[in-house]
Amino acid sequence: MMEWETVIGLEIHTQLATNSKIFSGASTTYGAAPNTQACAVDLGMPGVLPVLNAEVVRMAAKFGLATHSTVAPRSVFARKNYFYPDLPKGYQISQFELPIVHGGWLDIELEEGVSKRIGITRAHLEEDAGKSLHEDFHGMTGIDLNRAGTPLLEIVSEPDMRSAKEAVAYMKKIHALVRYLGISDGNMQEGSFRCDANVSVRPKGQQELGTRSELKNINSFRFVEQAINYEVERQIMVIEGGGAVVQETRLYDPGKQETRPMRSKEEANDYRYFPDPDLLPVEIDAAFIEAVRAGLPELPDAKKQRFVEQHGLSEYDAAVLTATRELADYYEAAVTASGGQGKLAANWVMGELSGALNRDDCDITNSPVSAQGLGELLQRINDGTVSGKLAKQVFEAMWNGEGSADAVIESKGLKQISDVSAIEGIIDEVLAGSPKQIEQYRAGQGKLLGYFVGQVMKATQGKANPGQVNELLKKKLDG
C-alpha cells in the first residue's frame, strides 16, 4: 500500500473588535435585527466613499508584531470582484498583492512534547460580506447585510501542517493570541473566528503538492478536525480508485460528518483584483510601529515560561493556566491574594474552580468565587485553619454565595483542630476501643494505620489536622 502525506494550510478569518465597521461608522454590535446596521457605505450606494477605520490598522500591526512578521510600511486595498446576493456592491474590499502583514511564524506544541514552527504567509485586512438565510424562508433566501463591512483580519498560513491535530493546535494558538492581544473576542458561535482549510494529499516523499480542496467556513475546533480527517480519507480513496482530485470549494456537514462540493475553486485571476480607486495606500511609519510594540501585552508563550520559573509550575500546568488571558489573570490574582502559594493556587484553579465552572456552564469572568476570595481560602489552608478536605466544603459554600472563606469557616464551625492535647485525647479513645486492630497492626499489618486515621477523623467530623493525626498515631502505635 502506498503511504500518503497530508498537506494542510489554514486561512483564519478573525473579526476585529472595533465598535464600527472597517470603512463606515455603522455599528458592529452582534444580534441586531436584520439589515438595521448596514449603511449606504456598506451597501456601496452611489455617491458614498469608504473611509478606513484607523483602529483596524493598529490591530493588524499588533498581530504582525506578535507573530514575528513584517508589518508593511505600505499596503494597498484592492477590489475583489464576484457576484453573490450577500455582496450588494458586486465586489469585496480586501488586500491582495500588498498586504499589511507578511512573513511570520508561530510555534505550536504537539502531544508528543515537541514543538513545530508554522509559517504565516500573510495577514490582510478586508471587509466581511452579508449573510444568506435559508431556514425561515420557504423556497426563498433572506439576506441580512448587518455583517457587510465588518472588519476582518484574514490570517493565511504556509502549508506546513501534516495532520488534523496539528491544524487544530495552530488554530487554537491563533485563537488564544488574538484574544490576548485584545483585537478579537474570538467568539466562534457569533462568527468572530472561523476557518477555511486547504487540504491535499501526496505520496510520502514527493515534493510536489497535490490538488487541494478548500473546506469553507468551519467555526469550531472539533469540526475542523473532523472535516480534515474526512477530506483526507476521501481524497486518498479517489486517487487509489483511479480517479483524480478536483480543485474545488467544499462545505462540511457536521450532521453527516462529511464534506460535499460547493463550487469549483476560483484562482486569483477569476476575481479580477485591482487597487480600489476610492482608498489611498496605507502608509505606516516607524514611530507608529514602535508605539504599537510598546503597547503589546505579555504574550502566551512568555507568560507560560514565567509561570514555570516564577511559580514553580510544570510545563503542562503552565500551558493550561495560560490558555486564555482571563484564566491567567485569575490565577495570578489568586496567587497574590494567597501570599504567593503558586502551586496550591494552580491545583485549585485547575481542580475545584474549573470543575465548578464546567458543572454550572459558567465563564471564569463571571465566577461566583473571585480570585481574591479563592486566595483568602488558600491562605487558610496554608496556615492550618482548615484542611484541604474541609476547604472543599468552604469553597462550595462560597460558590453558593454564603460569604467569604473566614465567614463560612466561622458559621459552619469548620476550623481545623490543631491542638495536640485535644487530638491525643480523641486518639486515646479510638485506640481504647480497638484492641484487636492494635494487635494486628503491631503484628505487621501496617495498612491498618489508615483505619485508625479514619476513625479519628470520623470522631472529629473531619476537623482534626491530618498531618498531626498521622504523626501522633504512629508515635502511640509504634511506641
Protein backbone atom coordinates (compact mmCIF):
# COMPACT_ATOMS: atom_id res chain seq x y z
CA MET A 1 0.00 0.00 0.00
CA MET A 2 1.24 3.50 -0.85
CA GLU A 3 1.93 5.78 2.09
CA TRP A 4 0.29 9.19 1.87
CA GLU A 5 1.25 12.51 3.37
CA THR A 6 -1.32 15.16 4.24
CA VAL A 7 -0.63 18.82 3.50
CA ILE A 8 -2.75 21.46 5.22
CA GLY A 9 -2.83 25.24 5.17
CA LEU A 10 -5.36 27.35 7.05
CA GLU A 11 -6.99 30.68 6.26
CA ILE A 12 -8.38 32.05 9.52
CA HIS A 13 -10.88 34.91 9.42
CA THR A 14 -10.78 36.92 12.63
CA GLN A 15 -13.35 39.65 13.24
CA LEU A 16 -11.59 42.66 14.72
CA ALA A 17 -13.06 44.04 17.94
CA THR A 18 -13.90 47.54 16.74
CA ASN A 19 -17.11 49.39 17.58
CA SER A 20 -17.67 50.43 13.98
CA LYS A 21 -17.05 48.86 10.58
CA ILE A 22 -13.88 48.97 8.56
CA PHE A 23 -14.99 51.66 6.08
CA SER A 24 -18.07 53.20 7.72
CA GLY A 25 -19.43 54.34 11.07
CA ALA A 26 -22.10 51.62 11.22
CA SER A 27 -22.17 49.54 14.40
CA THR A 28 -20.66 46.05 14.64
CA THR A 29 -22.77 45.01 17.66
CA TYR A 30 -23.87 41.39 17.38
CA GLY A 31 -27.53 40.35 17.46
CA ALA A 32 -29.25 43.40 15.97
CA ALA A 33 -32.40 42.95 13.88
CA PRO A 34 -31.61 42.08 10.23
CA ASN A 35 -30.50 44.94 8.00
CA THR A 36 -30.53 47.58 10.76
CA GLN A 37 -26.73 48.01 10.82
CA ALA A 38 -25.95 48.34 7.12
CA CYS A 39 -25.45 51.92 5.97
CA ALA A 40 -25.11 53.41 2.48
CA VAL A 41 -21.30 52.90 2.50
CA ASP A 42 -21.66 49.19 3.35
CA LEU A 43 -24.14 48.80 0.50
CA GLY A 44 -21.95 50.67 -1.98
CA MET A 45 -24.65 53.18 -2.84
CA PRO A 46 -23.82 55.88 -5.45
CA GLY A 47 -22.14 59.00 -4.12
CA VAL A 48 -20.62 57.49 -0.95
CA LEU A 49 -16.95 56.82 -0.26
CA PRO A 50 -15.26 54.39 2.16
CA VAL A 51 -13.09 55.85 4.95
CA LEU A 52 -10.60 53.49 6.62
CA ASN A 53 -11.05 52.85 10.35
CA ALA A 54 -7.61 53.63 11.85
CA GLU A 55 -8.13 51.16 14.69
CA VAL A 56 -8.04 48.16 12.33
CA VAL A 57 -4.57 49.21 11.17
CA ARG A 58 -3.31 49.32 14.77
CA MET A 59 -4.85 45.90 15.48
CA ALA A 60 -3.30 44.33 12.38
CA ALA A 61 0.09 45.77 13.37
CA LYS A 62 -0.27 44.25 16.86
CA PHE A 63 -0.87 40.85 15.32
CA GLY A 64 2.09 41.25 12.98
CA LEU A 65 4.49 42.14 15.79
CA ALA A 66 3.22 39.30 17.97
CA THR A 67 3.84 36.72 15.22
CA HIS A 68 7.40 37.80 14.27
CA SER A 69 6.02 39.13 10.98
CA THR A 70 6.89 42.14 8.88
CA VAL A 71 4.39 44.98 9.19
CA ALA A 72 4.45 46.58 5.75
CA PRO A 73 5.24 50.31 5.66
CA ARG A 74 2.91 50.48 2.64
CA SER A 75 -0.12 48.32 1.92
CA VAL A 76 -2.90 48.64 -0.64
CA PHE A 77 -6.61 47.84 -0.66
CA ALA A 78 -7.99 46.11 -3.74
CA ARG A 79 -11.40 45.23 -5.11
CA LYS A 80 -12.13 41.51 -5.24
CA ASN A 81 -14.92 41.16 -7.78
CA TYR A 82 -17.58 38.49 -7.50
CA PHE A 83 -21.36 38.41 -7.67
CA TYR A 84 -23.35 36.92 -4.84
CA PRO A 85 -26.60 38.02 -3.16
CA ASP A 86 -24.92 38.93 0.16
CA LEU A 87 -22.44 41.26 -1.58
CA PRO A 88 -24.57 44.12 -2.94
CA LYS A 89 -21.60 46.13 -4.29
CA GLY A 90 -20.50 43.27 -6.52
CA TYR A 91 -17.01 43.43 -5.01
CA GLN A 92 -15.31 42.99 -1.65
CA ILE A 93 -12.63 45.42 -0.48
CA SER A 94 -9.64 43.33 0.53
CA GLN A 95 -5.84 43.34 0.18
CA PHE A 96 -4.08 41.31 -2.47
CA GLU A 97 -0.55 41.99 -3.69
CA LEU A 98 0.49 44.29 -0.84
CA PRO A 99 -0.97 43.02 2.48
CA ILE A 100 -0.36 44.82 5.76
CA VAL A 101 1.39 41.81 7.40
CA HIS A 102 3.57 39.09 5.86
CA GLY A 103 6.32 36.56 6.56
CA GLY A 104 5.82 35.50 10.20
CA TRP A 105 5.58 32.31 12.25
CA LEU A 106 4.17 30.68 15.38
CA ASP A 107 5.35 27.61 17.29
CA ILE A 108 2.73 25.03 18.22
CA GLU A 109 3.06 22.35 20.89
CA LEU A 110 2.19 18.79 19.94
CA GLU A 111 1.08 15.93 22.17
CA GLU A 112 4.47 14.25 21.97
CA GLY A 113 6.01 17.20 23.84
CA VAL A 114 7.72 18.61 20.75
CA SER A 115 7.10 21.98 19.16
CA LYS A 116 6.69 22.72 15.46
CA ARG A 117 7.03 26.03 13.65
CA ILE A 118 4.18 27.03 11.34
CA GLY A 119 4.85 29.79 8.83
CA ILE A 120 2.41 32.68 8.39
CA THR A 121 2.38 33.75 4.75
CA ARG A 122 0.36 36.90 5.28
CA ALA A 123 -2.42 38.60 7.20
CA HIS A 124 -4.53 41.10 5.35
CA LEU A 125 -7.42 43.41 6.15
CA GLU A 126 -10.76 43.09 4.42
CA GLU A 127 -14.48 43.65 4.88
CA ASP A 128 -16.92 40.85 5.56
CA ALA A 129 -19.93 40.14 3.32
CA GLY A 130 -23.53 39.84 4.45
CA LYS A 131 -25.27 36.59 5.29
CA SER A 132 -27.75 34.45 3.35
CA LEU A 133 -30.52 32.96 5.48
CA HIS A 134 -32.33 29.85 4.30
CA GLU A 135 -34.05 28.38 7.36
CA ASP A 136 -37.03 30.72 7.75
CA PHE A 137 -37.89 31.24 4.09
CA HIS A 138 -39.78 28.53 2.25
CA GLY A 139 -38.35 28.28 -1.25
CA MET A 140 -36.58 31.62 -0.87
CA THR A 141 -33.44 33.07 0.66
CA GLY A 142 -33.32 36.03 3.04
CA ILE A 143 -30.37 38.42 3.05
CA ASP A 144 -29.08 40.07 6.24
CA LEU A 145 -26.49 42.75 5.44
CA ASN A 146 -25.59 43.63 9.05
CA ARG A 147 -22.20 41.92 8.68
CA ALA A 148 -21.40 43.71 5.41
CA GLY A 149 -18.38 45.88 6.09
CA THR A 150 -17.44 44.19 9.38
CA PRO A 151 -13.61 44.34 9.73
CA LEU A 152 -11.73 41.08 9.28
CA LEU A 153 -8.09 40.09 9.52
CA GLU A 154 -7.52 37.06 7.27
CA ILE A 155 -4.51 35.08 8.51
CA VAL A 156 -3.04 32.76 5.87
CA SER A 157 -0.61 30.04 6.95
CA GLU A 158 2.03 28.24 4.94
CA PRO A 159 1.03 24.63 4.04
CA ASP A 160 3.16 23.38 6.96
CA MET A 161 0.67 21.19 8.82
CA ARG A 162 0.65 17.45 8.29
CA SER A 163 -2.35 16.30 10.32
CA ALA A 164 -5.73 17.49 11.54
CA LYS A 165 -4.34 17.61 15.10
CA GLU A 166 -1.57 19.99 14.01
CA ALA A 167 -4.14 22.18 12.27
CA VAL A 168 -6.27 22.33 15.42
CA ALA A 169 -3.22 23.13 17.58
CA TYR A 170 -2.31 26.00 15.25
CA MET A 171 -5.87 27.29 15.13
CA LYS A 172 -6.08 27.23 18.95
CA LYS A 173 -2.76 29.10 19.17
CA ILE A 174 -4.05 31.85 16.86
CA HIS A 175 -7.34 31.95 18.77
CA ALA A 176 -5.57 32.43 22.12
CA LEU A 177 -3.23 35.03 20.62
CA VAL A 178 -5.89 37.33 19.14
CA ARG A 179 -7.74 37.26 22.46
CA TYR A 180 -4.56 38.01 24.43
CA LEU A 181 -3.90 40.94 22.11
CA GLY A 182 -7.45 42.20 22.62
CA ILE A 183 -8.01 42.50 18.87
CA SER A 184 -10.86 39.96 18.71
CA ASP A 185 -13.28 38.29 21.11
CA GLY A 186 -12.77 35.03 19.18
CA ASN A 187 -16.44 34.08 19.59
CA MET A 188 -16.99 31.20 17.19
CA GLN A 189 -20.74 30.97 17.75
CA GLU A 190 -21.13 34.57 16.61
CA GLY A 191 -18.83 34.14 13.59
CA SER A 192 -15.95 36.20 15.01
CA PHE A 193 -13.43 33.41 14.39
CA ARG A 194 -13.77 30.92 11.55
CA CYS A 195 -11.53 28.97 9.27
CA ASP A 196 -11.07 27.74 5.70
CA ALA A 197 -8.84 24.66 5.43
CA ASN A 198 -6.87 23.88 2.26
CA VAL A 199 -6.28 20.13 2.22
CA SER A 200 -4.35 17.91 -0.19
CA VAL A 201 -2.53 14.58 -0.13
CA ARG A 202 0.60 13.37 -1.90
CA PRO A 203 2.72 10.20 -1.90
CA LYS A 204 5.15 10.26 1.01
CA GLY A 205 8.49 11.68 -0.09
CA GLN A 206 7.05 13.62 -3.04
CA GLN A 207 7.85 17.35 -3.03
CA GLU A 208 5.17 18.46 -5.47
CA LEU A 209 1.87 19.41 -3.83
CA GLY A 210 -1.29 17.50 -4.67
CA THR A 211 -4.54 19.09 -5.88
CA ARG A 212 -6.23 20.77 -2.95
CA SER A 213 -9.78 21.19 -1.79
CA GLU A 214 -10.82 24.21 0.26
CA LEU A 215 -13.12 23.41 3.17
CA LYS A 216 -15.12 26.58 3.75
CA ASN A 217 -16.29 28.46 6.87
CA ILE A 218 -15.69 25.99 9.72
CA ASN A 219 -16.41 27.54 13.10
CA SER A 220 -15.27 25.04 15.75
CA PHE A 221 -12.05 23.22 16.58
CA ARG A 222 -13.87 19.89 16.64
CA PHE A 223 -15.40 20.41 13.22
CA VAL A 224 -12.04 21.45 11.74
CA GLU A 225 -10.52 18.16 12.90
CA GLN A 226 -13.46 16.09 11.66
CA ALA A 227 -13.64 17.87 8.29
CA ILE A 228 -9.92 17.49 7.56
CA ASN A 229 -9.85 13.82 8.55
CA TYR A 230 -12.86 13.07 6.33
CA GLU A 231 -11.41 15.01 3.41
CA VAL A 232 -8.03 13.25 3.65
CA GLU A 233 -9.73 9.84 3.54
CA ARG A 234 -11.94 10.94 0.64
CA GLN A 235 -9.03 12.18 -1.45
CA ILE A 236 -6.99 9.02 -0.85
CA MET A 237 -9.97 6.85 -1.85
CA VAL A 238 -10.47 8.90 -5.04
CA ILE A 239 -6.82 8.57 -6.09
CA GLU A 240 -6.46 4.89 -5.14
CA GLY A 241 -9.71 4.23 -7.03
CA GLY A 242 -8.13 5.55 -10.23
CA GLY A 243 -9.74 8.99 -10.13
CA ALA A 244 -8.32 12.49 -9.74
CA VAL A 245 -8.99 15.06 -7.03
CA VAL A 246 -10.77 18.13 -8.39
CA GLN A 247 -9.77 21.58 -7.17
CA GLU A 248 -12.94 22.88 -5.59
CA THR A 249 -14.53 24.52 -2.59
CA ARG A 250 -16.36 22.11 -0.29
CA LEU A 251 -18.67 22.53 2.70
CA TYR A 252 -18.52 20.40 5.83
CA ASP A 253 -21.80 18.93 7.07
CA PRO A 254 -21.40 18.26 10.84
CA GLY A 255 -24.60 16.20 10.94
CA LYS A 256 -23.41 13.73 8.32
CA GLN A 257 -19.72 14.30 9.19
CA GLU A 258 -18.79 14.62 5.55
CA THR A 259 -17.74 17.26 3.05
CA ARG A 260 -19.68 18.00 -0.15
CA PRO A 261 -18.94 20.11 -3.24
CA MET A 262 -19.96 23.77 -3.14
CA ARG A 263 -18.38 25.23 -6.28
CA SER A 264 -15.25 24.99 -8.40
CA LYS A 265 -12.28 26.71 -6.75
CA GLU A 266 -11.51 30.11 -8.19
CA GLU A 267 -8.00 31.38 -8.85
CA ALA A 268 -6.88 34.94 -8.11
CA ASN A 269 -7.40 36.00 -11.73
CA ASP A 270 -11.06 34.94 -11.52
CA TYR A 271 -11.64 37.77 -9.07
CA ARG A 272 -10.10 40.45 -11.33
CA TYR A 273 -8.31 42.20 -8.46
CA PHE A 274 -7.34 45.82 -8.97
CA PRO A 275 -6.41 48.63 -6.50
CA ASP A 276 -9.50 50.29 -5.07
CA PRO A 277 -9.64 53.79 -6.60
CA ASP A 278 -11.57 55.14 -3.59
CA LEU A 279 -8.90 54.29 -0.99
CA LEU A 280 -5.37 55.63 -0.61
CA PRO A 281 -2.49 53.24 0.17
CA VAL A 282 -1.95 52.68 3.90
CA GLU A 283 1.42 54.13 4.94
CA ILE A 284 2.84 53.34 8.38
CA ASP A 285 5.96 54.95 9.82
CA ALA A 286 8.47 53.56 12.33
CA ALA A 287 7.08 55.70 15.16
CA PHE A 288 3.63 54.10 14.73
CA ILE A 289 5.16 50.60 14.83
CA GLU A 290 7.14 51.35 17.98
CA ALA A 291 4.08 52.81 19.69
CA VAL A 292 2.16 49.61 18.91
CA ARG A 293 5.08 47.48 20.11
CA ALA A 294 5.19 49.39 23.41
CA GLY A 295 1.52 48.59 23.98
CA LEU A 296 1.79 44.81 23.46
CA PRO A 297 0.74 42.71 26.47
CA GLU A 298 2.75 39.77 27.78
CA LEU A 299 2.13 37.06 25.18
CA PRO A 300 1.08 33.45 25.95
CA ASP A 301 4.47 31.77 25.39
CA ALA A 302 6.32 34.33 27.53
CA LYS A 303 3.67 34.12 30.25
CA LYS A 304 3.83 30.33 30.24
CA GLN A 305 7.61 30.37 30.69
CA ARG A 306 7.33 32.93 33.51
CA PHE A 307 4.74 30.79 35.31
CA VAL A 308 7.15 27.85 35.20
CA GLU A 309 10.06 29.90 36.56
CA GLN A 310 8.23 32.20 38.98
CA HIS A 311 5.54 29.92 40.39
CA GLY A 312 7.31 26.55 40.14
CA LEU A 313 4.71 25.02 37.81
CA SER A 314 5.15 22.15 35.39
CA GLU A 315 5.12 22.91 31.66
CA TYR A 316 1.70 21.24 31.42
CA ASP A 317 0.15 23.23 34.28
CA ALA A 318 1.58 26.49 32.93
CA ALA A 319 0.17 25.72 29.47
CA VAL A 320 -3.31 25.05 30.90
CA LEU A 321 -3.28 28.22 33.01
CA THR A 322 -2.19 30.44 30.12
CA ALA A 323 -4.69 29.01 27.63
CA THR A 324 -6.71 32.22 27.90
CA ARG A 325 -5.77 35.65 29.17
CA GLU A 326 -8.74 35.65 31.57
CA LEU A 327 -7.68 32.36 33.18
CA ALA A 328 -4.07 33.51 33.52
CA ASP A 329 -5.15 36.80 35.09
CA TYR A 330 -7.44 34.99 37.56
CA TYR A 331 -4.66 32.59 38.54
CA GLU A 332 -2.12 35.34 39.15
CA ALA A 333 -4.59 37.37 41.20
CA ALA A 334 -5.32 34.28 43.32
CA VAL A 335 -1.58 33.68 43.85
CA THR A 336 -1.14 37.26 45.03
CA ALA A 337 -4.13 37.05 47.37
CA SER A 338 -2.86 33.74 48.80
CA GLY A 339 0.50 35.22 49.72
CA GLY A 340 2.41 33.52 46.90
CA GLN A 341 1.04 29.96 47.00
CA GLY A 342 1.72 29.31 43.30
CA LYS A 343 1.44 25.52 43.19
CA LEU A 344 -1.51 25.36 45.60
CA ALA A 345 -3.33 28.04 43.58
CA ALA A 346 -2.68 26.11 40.35
CA ASN A 347 -4.14 22.93 41.84
CA TRP A 348 -7.29 24.73 42.99
CA VAL A 349 -7.83 26.75 39.81
CA MET A 350 -7.42 23.67 37.61
CA GLY A 351 -9.32 21.44 40.06
CA GLU A 352 -12.18 22.74 42.19
CA LEU A 353 -12.67 26.02 40.33
CA SER A 354 -12.58 24.57 36.79
CA GLY A 355 -14.85 21.73 37.87
CA ALA A 356 -17.43 24.15 39.26
CA LEU A 357 -17.23 26.37 36.17
CA ASN A 358 -17.81 23.38 33.87
CA ARG A 359 -20.60 21.98 36.04
CA ASP A 360 -22.54 25.25 36.01
CA ASP A 361 -21.54 26.22 32.44
CA CYS A 362 -20.02 29.43 33.78
CA ASP A 363 -17.25 31.62 32.35
CA ILE A 364 -14.32 32.47 34.60
CA THR A 365 -15.04 36.18 34.21
CA ASN A 366 -18.38 35.53 35.96
CA SER A 367 -17.10 33.13 38.61
CA PRO A 368 -19.10 33.38 41.89
CA VAL A 369 -15.78 32.92 43.73
CA SER A 370 -13.43 35.78 42.92
CA ALA A 371 -9.66 35.37 42.63
CA GLN A 372 -9.32 37.38 45.84
CA GLY A 373 -11.82 35.09 47.59
CA LEU A 374 -10.03 31.93 46.44
CA GLY A 375 -6.69 33.38 47.52
CA GLU A 376 -8.04 34.00 51.04
CA LEU A 377 -9.25 30.39 51.23
CA LEU A 378 -5.79 29.19 50.16
CA GLN A 379 -4.29 31.25 52.97
CA ARG A 380 -6.48 29.36 55.46
CA ILE A 381 -5.28 26.04 54.04
CA ASN A 382 -1.67 27.17 54.25
CA ASP A 383 -1.90 28.41 57.85
CA GLY A 384 -3.69 25.26 59.01
CA THR A 385 -7.05 26.88 59.76
CA VAL A 386 -8.77 24.31 57.50
CA SER A 387 -7.66 21.06 55.96
CA GLY A 388 -7.73 20.51 52.21
CA LYS A 389 -10.82 18.34 52.63
CA LEU A 390 -12.71 20.88 54.72
CA ALA A 391 -11.63 23.61 52.31
CA LYS A 392 -13.71 21.94 49.61
CA GLN A 393 -16.81 22.40 51.78
CA VAL A 394 -15.84 26.03 52.33
CA PHE A 395 -15.36 26.57 48.59
CA GLU A 396 -18.78 25.09 47.79
CA ALA A 397 -20.41 27.40 50.31
CA MET A 398 -18.55 30.39 48.86
CA TRP A 399 -19.68 29.34 45.37
CA ASN A 400 -23.28 29.31 46.61
CA GLY A 401 -22.93 32.87 47.91
CA GLU A 402 -22.70 32.10 51.64
CA GLY A 403 -19.89 34.57 52.28
CA SER A 404 -16.12 34.82 52.44
CA ALA A 405 -13.82 31.96 53.45
CA ASP A 406 -13.46 33.22 57.02
CA ALA A 407 -17.21 33.81 57.36
CA VAL A 408 -18.06 30.30 56.12
CA ILE A 409 -15.42 28.66 58.36
CA GLU A 410 -16.81 30.50 61.38
CA SER A 411 -20.52 29.99 60.65
CA LYS A 412 -20.18 26.28 59.84
CA GLY A 413 -17.64 25.53 62.57
CA LEU A 414 -15.14 24.11 60.08
CA LYS A 415 -11.99 25.31 61.79
CA GLN A 416 -9.37 22.59 61.87
CA ILE A 417 -8.45 21.09 65.25
CA SER A 418 -4.71 21.54 65.68
CA ASP A 419 -4.49 21.40 69.46
CA VAL A 420 -2.20 18.45 70.21
CA SER A 421 -3.77 17.58 73.58
CA ALA A 422 -7.26 17.60 72.08
CA ILE A 423 -6.22 15.31 69.23
CA GLU A 424 -4.35 12.99 71.63
CA GLY A 425 -7.46 12.63 73.76
CA ILE A 426 -9.53 11.53 70.76
CA ILE A 427 -6.76 9.16 69.62
CA ASP A 428 -6.68 7.55 73.07
CA GLU A 429 -10.44 6.97 72.87
CA VAL A 430 -10.13 5.36 69.42
CA LEU A 431 -7.24 3.12 70.50
CA ALA A 432 -9.06 2.07 73.66
CA GLY A 433 -11.91 0.77 71.51
CA SER A 434 -9.68 -1.03 69.00
CA PRO A 435 -7.51 -3.60 70.87
CA LYS A 436 -7.82 -6.21 68.09
CA GLN A 437 -6.73 -3.75 65.37
CA ILE A 438 -3.78 -2.60 67.52
CA GLU A 439 -2.61 -6.19 67.87
CA GLN A 440 -2.90 -6.76 64.09
CA TYR A 441 -1.05 -3.51 63.34
CA ARG A 442 1.82 -4.42 65.66
CA ALA A 443 1.93 -7.89 64.11
CA GLY A 444 2.90 -6.30 60.80
CA GLN A 445 -0.34 -5.10 59.20
CA GLY A 446 0.85 -1.52 58.67
CA LYS A 447 -2.07 -0.74 56.36
CA LEU A 448 -4.30 -0.53 59.44
CA LEU A 449 -2.84 2.91 60.15
CA GLY A 450 -5.38 4.18 57.64
CA TYR A 451 -8.17 2.59 59.69
CA PHE A 452 -7.10 4.45 62.84
CA VAL A 453 -6.74 7.74 60.95
CA GLY A 454 -10.23 7.29 59.54
CA GLN A 455 -11.70 6.63 63.00
CA VAL A 456 -10.07 9.77 64.43
CA MET A 457 -11.24 11.91 61.52
CA LYS A 458 -14.73 10.50 61.86
CA ALA A 459 -14.77 11.28 65.57
CA THR A 460 -13.73 14.89 64.85
CA GLN A 461 -16.11 15.27 61.86
CA GLY A 462 -13.07 15.70 59.63
CA LYS A 463 -11.76 18.69 61.57
CA ALA A 464 -8.56 17.21 63.03
CA ASN A 465 -5.30 18.22 61.37
CA PRO A 466 -4.49 15.12 59.23
CA GLY A 467 -0.73 15.60 59.49
CA GLN A 468 -0.83 15.75 63.28
CA VAL A 469 -3.22 12.80 63.45
CA ASN A 470 -0.83 10.64 61.42
CA GLU A 471 2.20 11.70 63.43
CA LEU A 472 0.61 11.21 66.85
CA LEU A 473 -0.96 7.85 65.90
CA LYS A 474 2.37 6.46 64.67
CA LYS A 475 4.08 7.50 67.89
CA LYS A 476 1.46 5.81 70.04
CA LEU A 477 1.14 2.66 67.91
CA ASP A 478 4.89 2.19 67.43
CA GLY A 479 5.77 3.17 70.99
